[in-house]
Each structure stands twice: as C-alpha cells, then as structure tokens.
N, C-alpha and C. Protein backbone atom coordinates (compact mmCIF):
# COMPACT_ATOMS: atom_id res chain seq x y z
N MET A 1 0.61 -1.15 -0.14
CA MET A 1 -0.06 0.03 -0.13
C MET A 1 1.04 1.23 -0.10
N ASP A 2 0.50 2.39 -0.96
CA ASP A 2 1.23 3.43 -0.92
C ASP A 2 1.25 4.27 0.41
N ALA A 3 2.16 5.26 0.61
CA ALA A 3 1.86 6.27 1.58
C ALA A 3 0.76 6.78 2.00
N GLU A 4 0.16 7.20 0.87
CA GLU A 4 -0.96 8.24 0.54
C GLU A 4 -2.22 7.35 1.18
N LEU A 5 -2.37 6.51 0.41
CA LEU A 5 -3.18 5.27 0.62
C LEU A 5 -3.15 4.71 2.51
N ALA A 6 -2.49 4.97 2.78
CA ALA A 6 -1.73 4.19 4.17
C ALA A 6 -2.27 5.58 5.24
N THR A 7 -2.21 6.44 4.64
CA THR A 7 -2.15 7.85 5.63
C THR A 7 -4.19 8.22 5.66
N LEU A 8 -4.57 8.09 4.30
CA LEU A 8 -5.97 7.82 4.24
C LEU A 8 -6.94 6.80 4.87
N ALA A 9 -5.99 5.37 5.11
CA ALA A 9 -6.55 4.63 6.15
C ALA A 9 -6.79 4.98 7.54
N GLY A 10 -5.44 5.27 7.85
CA GLY A 10 -5.32 5.94 9.49
C GLY A 10 -6.43 6.88 9.55
N THR A 11 -6.56 8.18 8.66
CA THR A 11 -7.18 9.25 8.96
C THR A 11 -8.61 9.10 9.07
N GLY A 12 -8.90 7.83 7.88
CA GLY A 12 -10.32 7.18 8.00
C GLY A 12 -10.57 6.72 9.40
N ALA A 13 -9.76 5.52 9.78
CA ALA A 13 -9.92 4.85 10.54
C ALA A 13 -10.41 5.83 12.26
N THR A 14 -9.39 6.95 12.27
CA THR A 14 -9.62 7.82 13.36
C THR A 14 -11.08 8.88 12.99
N THR A 15 -11.70 8.85 11.73
CA THR A 15 -12.46 9.85 11.94
C THR A 15 -14.09 8.53 12.09
N VAL A 16 -14.01 7.59 12.02
CA VAL A 16 -14.92 6.82 11.60
C VAL A 16 -15.36 6.19 13.34
N VAL A 17 -14.00 6.11 14.03
CA VAL A 17 -14.18 5.96 15.85
C VAL A 17 -14.51 6.90 16.57
N SER A 18 -14.49 8.09 16.04
CA SER A 18 -14.64 9.51 16.61
C SER A 18 -15.62 9.62 16.37
N LEU A 19 -16.29 9.13 15.35
CA LEU A 19 -18.07 9.28 14.79
C LEU A 19 -19.10 8.70 15.57
N LEU A 20 -18.36 7.23 15.85
CA LEU A 20 -18.93 6.48 16.69
C LEU A 20 -19.78 7.05 18.39
N VAL A 21 -18.87 7.88 18.78
CA VAL A 21 -19.00 8.32 19.97
C VAL A 21 -19.70 10.00 20.02
N THR A 22 -20.29 10.18 18.78
CA THR A 22 -20.87 11.57 18.33
C THR A 22 -22.15 11.28 18.13
N GLU A 23 -23.22 12.44 18.40
CA GLU A 23 -24.39 12.46 17.80
C GLU A 23 -24.46 12.29 16.18
N THR A 24 -23.20 12.96 15.47
CA THR A 24 -23.34 12.68 13.95
C THR A 24 -22.96 11.13 13.53
N TRP A 25 -22.94 10.43 14.40
CA TRP A 25 -22.80 9.09 13.70
C TRP A 25 -24.42 8.44 13.31
N GLU A 26 -25.63 8.86 13.89
CA GLU A 26 -26.72 8.75 12.77
C GLU A 26 -26.63 9.13 11.51
N GLN A 27 -25.89 10.27 11.35
CA GLN A 27 -25.86 10.85 9.89
C GLN A 27 -24.49 10.08 8.94
N ALA A 28 -23.63 9.76 9.66
CA ALA A 28 -22.55 8.89 9.03
C ALA A 28 -22.79 7.61 8.72
N LYS A 29 -23.40 7.05 9.42
CA LYS A 29 -23.73 5.37 9.74
C LYS A 29 -23.91 4.50 8.61
N GLN A 30 -24.94 5.18 7.44
CA GLN A 30 -24.85 4.09 6.59
C GLN A 30 -23.91 4.63 5.11
N ARG A 31 -23.35 5.42 5.44
CA ARG A 31 -22.15 5.89 4.50
C ARG A 31 -21.05 5.01 4.98
N VAL A 32 -20.82 4.73 6.04
CA VAL A 32 -19.68 4.13 6.88
C VAL A 32 -20.05 2.57 6.26
N ILE A 33 -21.30 2.06 6.37
CA ILE A 33 -21.87 0.92 6.42
C ILE A 33 -21.70 0.34 4.80
N ARG A 34 -21.97 1.20 3.72
CA ARG A 34 -21.74 1.04 2.31
C ARG A 34 -20.66 0.66 2.09
N LEU A 35 -19.31 1.45 2.72
CA LEU A 35 -18.09 1.45 2.30
C LEU A 35 -17.62 0.29 2.80
N PHE A 36 -17.62 -0.42 4.14
CA PHE A 36 -17.39 -1.30 4.76
C PHE A 36 -18.05 -2.82 4.10
N ALA A 37 -19.15 -2.44 3.61
CA ALA A 37 -20.05 -3.95 2.89
C ALA A 37 -20.04 -3.76 1.46
N ARG A 38 -18.97 -3.81 0.65
CA ARG A 38 -19.12 -3.72 -0.40
C ARG A 38 -19.27 -5.22 -1.00
N ASP A 39 -19.16 -6.41 -0.20
CA ASP A 39 -19.23 -7.43 -0.14
C ASP A 39 -20.50 -8.10 -0.05
N GLY A 40 -21.24 -7.51 0.82
CA GLY A 40 -22.64 -7.79 0.63
C GLY A 40 -23.22 -7.71 2.04
N GLU A 41 -22.34 -7.87 3.03
CA GLU A 41 -22.56 -7.80 4.48
C GLU A 41 -22.91 -6.68 5.16
N ALA A 42 -24.02 -6.01 4.85
CA ALA A 42 -24.13 -4.85 5.78
C ALA A 42 -24.64 -5.21 7.05
N ALA A 43 -25.11 -6.01 7.25
CA ALA A 43 -25.97 -6.29 8.59
C ALA A 43 -25.02 -6.48 9.60
N THR A 44 -23.73 -7.59 9.01
CA THR A 44 -22.91 -7.86 9.80
C THR A 44 -21.74 -6.82 10.47
N VAL A 45 -21.60 -5.68 9.25
CA VAL A 45 -20.84 -4.29 9.12
C VAL A 45 -21.58 -3.34 10.49
N GLU A 46 -22.44 -3.64 10.14
CA GLU A 46 -23.82 -2.92 10.93
C GLU A 46 -23.34 -3.33 12.40
N GLY A 47 -24.06 -4.45 12.78
CA GLY A 47 -23.72 -5.32 14.51
C GLY A 47 -22.28 -4.93 14.47
N ASP A 48 -21.20 -4.92 13.82
CA ASP A 48 -19.77 -4.79 14.67
C ASP A 48 -19.56 -3.42 14.62
N LEU A 49 -20.25 -2.43 14.24
CA LEU A 49 -19.70 -0.74 14.65
C LEU A 49 -20.91 -0.97 15.41
N GLY A 50 -21.94 -1.11 15.64
CA GLY A 50 -23.08 -1.22 16.55
C GLY A 50 -22.32 -1.43 18.14
N GLU A 51 -21.81 -2.83 18.10
CA GLU A 51 -20.91 -3.07 19.61
C GLU A 51 -19.83 -2.60 19.87
N SER A 52 -19.01 -1.72 18.84
CA SER A 52 -18.00 -0.84 19.49
C SER A 52 -18.48 0.27 19.51
N ARG A 53 -19.81 1.00 18.96
CA ARG A 53 -20.31 2.08 19.47
C ARG A 53 -20.71 1.93 21.05
N ASP A 54 -21.22 0.98 21.26
CA ASP A 54 -21.91 0.54 22.78
C ASP A 54 -20.51 0.21 23.67
N ALA A 55 -19.69 -0.10 23.38
CA ALA A 55 -18.29 -0.46 23.96
C ALA A 55 -17.55 0.94 24.31
N LEU A 56 -17.76 1.51 23.52
CA LEU A 56 -16.96 3.16 23.59
C LEU A 56 -17.95 3.85 24.33
N ALA A 57 -19.01 3.63 24.48
CA ALA A 57 -19.88 4.57 24.98
C ALA A 57 -19.91 4.39 26.33
N ALA A 58 -19.55 2.84 26.75
CA ALA A 58 -19.79 2.41 28.00
C ALA A 58 -18.54 2.47 28.79
N ALA A 59 -17.10 2.92 28.28
CA ALA A 59 -15.88 2.71 28.40
C ALA A 59 -16.05 4.63 28.62
N THR A 60 -16.74 5.54 28.46
CA THR A 60 -16.43 6.71 28.62
C THR A 60 -16.27 7.57 30.14
N GLY A 61 -14.82 7.97 30.29
CA GLY A 61 -14.44 8.02 31.35
C GLY A 61 -13.79 6.59 32.35
N ALA A 62 -13.83 5.69 31.72
CA ALA A 62 -13.17 4.46 32.66
C ALA A 62 -11.82 4.73 32.56
N ALA A 63 -10.87 3.89 33.07
CA ALA A 63 -9.54 3.94 33.46
C ALA A 63 -9.04 3.30 31.79
N ASP A 64 -9.97 2.24 30.88
CA ASP A 64 -9.50 1.88 30.20
C ASP A 64 -10.19 2.32 28.88
N GLU A 65 -10.60 3.47 28.79
CA GLU A 65 -11.41 3.97 27.92
C GLU A 65 -10.17 4.42 26.80
N GLU A 66 -9.10 4.91 27.02
CA GLU A 66 -7.70 5.13 25.93
C GLU A 66 -7.71 4.08 25.45
N ALA A 67 -7.45 2.71 25.90
CA ALA A 67 -7.12 1.61 25.34
C ALA A 67 -8.05 0.74 24.59
N LEU A 68 -9.42 1.00 24.97
CA LEU A 68 -10.48 0.32 24.06
C LEU A 68 -10.63 1.30 22.77
N THR A 69 -10.49 2.47 22.69
CA THR A 69 -10.40 3.37 21.82
C THR A 69 -9.21 2.93 20.68
N ALA A 70 -8.61 2.90 21.42
CA ALA A 70 -7.08 2.48 20.31
C ALA A 70 -7.05 0.91 19.69
N ASP A 71 -8.08 0.14 20.71
CA ASP A 71 -8.56 -0.87 19.86
C ASP A 71 -9.31 -0.81 18.76
N VAL A 72 -10.49 -0.31 18.86
CA VAL A 72 -11.26 0.00 18.19
C VAL A 72 -11.07 0.38 16.80
N THR A 73 -9.99 1.53 16.99
CA THR A 73 -9.25 2.20 15.94
C THR A 73 -8.58 1.08 14.90
N ALA A 74 -7.58 0.38 15.53
CA ALA A 74 -7.00 -0.52 15.19
C ALA A 74 -7.69 -1.49 14.35
N MET A 75 -8.86 -1.86 14.91
CA MET A 75 -9.79 -2.90 13.72
C MET A 75 -10.22 -2.34 12.82
N VAL A 76 -10.71 -0.83 12.93
CA VAL A 76 -11.02 0.00 11.63
C VAL A 76 -10.05 0.17 11.16
N LEU A 77 -8.88 0.20 11.04
CA LEU A 77 -7.78 0.96 10.53
C LEU A 77 -7.61 -0.67 9.64
N LEU A 78 -7.56 -1.66 10.26
CA LEU A 78 -7.16 -3.08 9.47
C LEU A 78 -8.20 -3.39 8.34
N ARG A 79 -9.42 -2.96 8.88
CA ARG A 79 -10.69 -3.28 8.05
C ARG A 79 -10.61 -2.28 6.56
N LEU A 80 -10.17 -0.95 7.03
CA LEU A 80 -9.83 -0.19 5.91
C LEU A 80 -8.78 -0.55 5.07
N ARG A 81 -7.30 -0.95 5.40
CA ARG A 81 -6.54 -1.23 4.77
C ARG A 81 -6.74 -2.22 3.61
N ARG A 82 -7.49 -3.43 4.57
CA ARG A 82 -7.78 -4.29 3.36
C ARG A 82 -8.65 -3.75 2.22
N LEU A 83 -9.71 -2.95 2.67
CA LEU A 83 -10.35 -2.59 1.71
C LEU A 83 -9.75 -1.75 0.23
N LEU A 84 -8.93 -0.91 1.09
CA LEU A 84 -8.07 -0.08 0.02
C LEU A 84 -7.36 -1.28 -1.07
N GLU A 85 -6.84 -2.35 -0.36
CA GLU A 85 -6.11 -3.14 -0.71
C GLU A 85 -6.80 -3.70 -2.37
N GLN A 86 -8.14 -4.37 -1.88
CA GLN A 86 -8.90 -4.97 -2.67
C GLN A 86 -9.64 -4.40 -3.86
N ASP A 87 -9.73 -3.01 -3.07
CA ASP A 87 -10.47 -1.97 -3.99
C ASP A 87 -10.13 -0.71 -4.18
N PRO A 88 -9.19 -0.40 -4.54
CA PRO A 88 -8.43 0.78 -4.67
C PRO A 88 -9.57 1.93 -4.86
N ASP A 89 -10.44 2.25 -5.84
CA ASP A 89 -11.72 2.81 -6.03
C ASP A 89 -12.56 3.22 -5.08
N ALA A 90 -12.13 2.55 -3.94
CA ALA A 90 -12.68 2.94 -2.52
C ALA A 90 -12.46 4.54 -1.78
N ALA A 91 -11.04 4.41 -2.24
CA ALA A 91 -10.17 5.52 -1.87
C ALA A 91 -11.35 6.76 -1.80
N ASP A 92 -11.82 6.99 -3.04
CA ASP A 92 -12.47 8.20 -3.09
C ASP A 92 -13.56 8.50 -2.38
N GLU A 93 -14.66 7.26 -2.24
CA GLU A 93 -15.44 7.34 -1.21
C GLU A 93 -14.85 7.67 0.13
N LEU A 94 -13.80 6.95 0.66
CA LEU A 94 -13.26 7.15 2.01
C LEU A 94 -12.90 8.76 2.01
N ARG A 95 -12.23 9.06 1.02
CA ARG A 95 -11.91 10.49 1.20
C ARG A 95 -12.96 11.58 1.46
N SER A 96 -13.98 11.16 0.40
CA SER A 96 -14.90 12.10 0.31
C SER A 96 -15.77 11.84 2.20
N LEU A 97 -16.19 10.90 2.66
CA LEU A 97 -16.56 10.76 4.11
C LEU A 97 -15.72 11.07 5.11
N VAL A 98 -14.29 11.38 4.80
CA VAL A 98 -13.55 12.18 6.01
C VAL A 98 -13.63 13.60 5.74
N GLU A 99 -13.59 13.79 4.63
CA GLU A 99 -13.76 15.50 4.25
C GLU A 99 -14.84 16.07 5.01
N GLU A 100 -16.00 15.37 4.57
CA GLU A 100 -17.27 15.59 4.86
C GLU A 100 -17.43 15.85 6.38
N PHE A 101 -16.95 14.45 7.38
CA PHE A 101 -17.16 14.43 8.56
C PHE A 101 -16.04 14.70 9.52
N ALA A 102 -14.71 14.87 8.98
CA ALA A 102 -13.75 15.08 10.05
C ALA A 102 -14.27 16.05 11.12
N LEU A 103 -14.26 17.26 10.39
CA LEU A 103 -14.68 18.41 11.64
C LEU A 103 -15.84 17.97 12.72
N ALA A 104 -16.70 17.29 12.46
CA ALA A 104 -17.77 16.47 13.39
C ALA A 104 -17.04 15.54 13.87
N ALA A 105 -16.36 14.82 13.86
CA ALA A 105 -15.67 13.85 14.17
C ALA A 105 -14.55 14.39 15.20
N GLY A 106 -13.86 15.70 14.86
CA GLY A 106 -13.25 16.40 16.12
C GLY A 106 -13.36 17.35 16.81
N SER A 107 -14.88 17.26 16.69
CA SER A 107 -15.47 18.31 17.58
C SER A 107 -15.98 17.48 18.94
N ASP A 108 -16.09 18.67 19.99
CA ASP A 108 -16.43 18.06 21.41
C ASP A 108 -18.06 18.14 21.56
N GLU A 109 -18.34 18.34 22.27
CA GLU A 109 -19.96 18.50 22.40
C GLU A 109 -20.61 19.57 22.66
N THR A 110 -19.41 20.25 22.72
CA THR A 110 -19.81 22.02 22.58
C THR A 110 -19.80 22.78 21.09
N GLY A 111 -19.38 21.75 20.29
CA GLY A 111 -19.22 21.94 18.89
C GLY A 111 -17.46 22.59 18.32
N GLU A 112 -16.76 22.56 19.55
CA GLU A 112 -15.54 23.74 19.55
C GLU A 112 -14.83 22.26 18.95
N ALA A 113 -13.75 22.72 17.99
CA ALA A 113 -13.05 21.90 16.72
C ALA A 113 -12.15 21.20 18.17
N GLY A 114 -11.75 20.17 17.57
CA GLY A 114 -10.61 19.46 18.10
C GLY A 114 -9.14 19.55 17.79
N ALA A 115 -8.23 18.55 17.97
CA ALA A 115 -7.03 18.60 17.02
C ALA A 115 -7.01 18.78 15.87
N VAL A 116 -6.11 19.68 15.02
CA VAL A 116 -6.11 19.76 13.62
C VAL A 116 -4.77 18.77 12.88
N HIS A 117 -4.71 17.81 12.15
CA HIS A 117 -3.91 17.26 11.84
C HIS A 117 -3.54 17.61 10.21
N ASN A 118 -2.55 18.27 9.99
CA ASN A 118 -2.38 18.52 8.73
C ASN A 118 -1.15 17.41 7.78
N SER A 119 -1.35 17.41 6.67
CA SER A 119 -0.04 16.59 6.19
C SER A 119 0.18 17.10 4.65
N ILE A 120 1.35 16.91 4.12
CA ILE A 120 1.52 17.47 2.73
C ILE A 120 2.32 16.05 2.31
N THR A 121 1.66 15.98 0.89
CA THR A 121 1.84 14.69 0.15
C THR A 121 2.42 15.46 -1.06
N GLY A 122 2.78 14.18 -1.94
CA GLY A 122 3.56 14.81 -3.48
C GLY A 122 4.67 14.98 -3.80
N GLY A 123 5.38 14.78 -2.59
CA GLY A 123 7.03 14.84 -3.03
C GLY A 123 7.50 16.28 -2.31
N ALA A 124 8.85 16.78 -2.71
CA ALA A 124 9.66 17.73 -1.88
C ALA A 124 9.03 19.00 -2.13
N GLN A 125 8.80 20.24 -1.01
CA GLN A 125 8.42 21.38 -1.01
C GLN A 125 9.47 22.17 -1.31
N HIS A 126 9.68 23.15 -1.50
CA HIS A 126 10.91 24.30 -2.46
C HIS A 126 10.43 25.46 -1.51
N GLY A 127 9.62 25.74 -0.87
CA GLY A 127 9.42 26.76 -0.56
C GLY A 127 7.94 26.85 0.71
N PRO A 128 7.57 28.06 1.26
CA PRO A 128 6.85 27.93 2.01
C PRO A 128 5.53 27.39 2.36
N VAL A 129 4.89 26.29 2.78
CA VAL A 129 3.68 25.86 2.73
C VAL A 129 2.88 26.49 3.89
N PHE A 130 1.59 26.79 3.23
CA PHE A 130 0.63 27.53 4.54
C PHE A 130 -0.92 26.39 4.09
N GLN A 131 -1.17 26.12 5.60
CA GLN A 131 -2.42 25.45 5.61
C GLN A 131 -3.29 25.91 6.26
N GLY A 132 -4.32 26.36 6.18
CA GLY A 132 -5.28 27.00 6.65
C GLY A 132 -6.58 27.44 6.11
N GLN A 133 -7.58 28.01 6.66
CA GLN A 133 -8.88 28.20 6.23
C GLN A 133 -8.81 30.20 5.28
N SER A 134 -7.96 30.60 6.03
CA SER A 134 -7.71 31.97 4.76
C SER A 134 -6.64 32.69 5.29
N PHE A 135 -6.11 33.48 4.42
CA PHE A 135 -5.08 33.69 4.70
C PHE A 135 -5.19 35.31 3.74
N SER A 136 -4.39 36.74 4.79
CA SER A 136 -4.48 38.07 3.56
C SER A 136 -3.40 38.58 4.27
N ASN A 137 -2.95 39.52 3.00
CA ASN A 137 -1.68 40.26 3.77
C ASN A 137 -0.35 39.90 4.04
N LEU A 138 -0.22 38.50 3.36
CA LEU A 138 1.03 37.55 3.43
C LEU A 138 2.14 38.21 2.72
N THR A 139 2.75 38.25 3.19
CA THR A 139 4.84 38.73 2.08
C THR A 139 5.94 37.96 2.52
N ILE A 140 5.96 37.27 1.26
CA ILE A 140 6.95 36.46 1.27
C ILE A 140 8.35 36.61 1.03
N HIS A 141 9.52 36.57 1.84
CA HIS A 141 10.75 36.70 1.06
C HIS A 141 11.40 35.96 0.84
N SER A 142 12.31 35.77 -0.40
CA SER A 142 12.99 34.77 -0.64
C SER A 142 14.51 35.11 -1.11
N SER A 143 15.20 34.00 -1.05
CA SER A 143 16.62 34.56 -1.28
C SER A 143 16.87 34.61 -2.64
N GLY A 144 15.94 34.20 -3.61
CA GLY A 144 15.94 33.84 -5.07
C GLY A 144 16.59 32.77 -5.70
N ALA A 145 17.09 31.83 -4.80
CA ALA A 145 17.93 30.82 -5.08
C ALA A 145 16.80 29.77 -5.95
N ALA A 146 17.19 29.20 -6.60
CA ALA A 146 16.42 27.98 -7.42
C ALA A 146 15.98 26.82 -6.53
N ALA A 147 15.26 26.10 -6.70
CA ALA A 147 14.91 24.81 -6.12
C ALA A 147 16.23 23.81 -6.66
N PRO A 148 16.69 23.12 -5.90
CA PRO A 148 17.62 21.97 -6.13
C PRO A 148 17.27 21.24 -7.54
N ASP A 149 16.26 20.94 -7.92
CA ASP A 149 16.09 20.16 -9.33
C ASP A 149 15.33 21.16 -10.34
N GLN A 150 15.56 22.26 -10.34
CA GLN A 150 14.80 23.01 -10.85
C GLN A 150 16.17 23.80 -12.22
C-alpha cells in the first residue's frame, strides 16, 4: 500500500471511531456501512459497528477508555487497509466521507473543533507551505535561489 493510501486509511479509521461516539454518527452510519459492506454483508458490518459504539460509550470516563479506543481504531484501520488493497477505487469514497465528517468527528460536545492534523504529500516542497482556512496580507521573502532540481 502506498503512503497516501496508508495515511488515508489512518485518517479514515480515526474519523470513523470518533464519529461512533458523537451524535453525528446517525448521519454518517449508512455511508460507513456502505463503504465497509462492499461484499454485501451490511448487517454484519452494522452489528460490528454497533457493538463498538456501545463499548466505547460504556467506557467513557473509565480507566480503560483510551485502550479500548485504540483497539477499536486498530480494528477499523485494518478493515480500511484491506478494503483499499482489494478495491483502490474505494479511496475516493473514503476521502469524501473523511472530508465531510472530519470536523464533526473532531468536535467536542460544545461544537468546538478538536486537534487539527495537517499533512503534505506529493514530494519535496521547495518553499513555504501554508495550510489554513484563509490568509490575507502575506509577504513572502525569498533568497531568490532556485530549488535543487530546477
């Protein structure tokens, strides 16, 4: 599996597990089930996700909450890796799901956004990289030197 798909699988697993314990889960559930149940086992997938959701809800505030969350995340990650290896076209659907629900998955009960994780892919960057929602009045100073392979 290439690095981009591996990163997508990791982000997808974190997003799905985070959604399991939010009110947004009901909005995302059918899309997640459809993604995982490409071989027609929707009832099994729905049952597995329901059990994971119940276990995570029961563990909220418990000493083993973090360990259980890590276990469920590892299970979802493994399932996503297998899916992407068997059906690389599923990457577009997973990417769309992550983009749509990432904010809800990273939000707390008050709607405040959680941690932000940015990544840069596609090779070497030979200049500043800005990641954010909006920028204004930026001034970039450069030494004028060309990038190594230019």
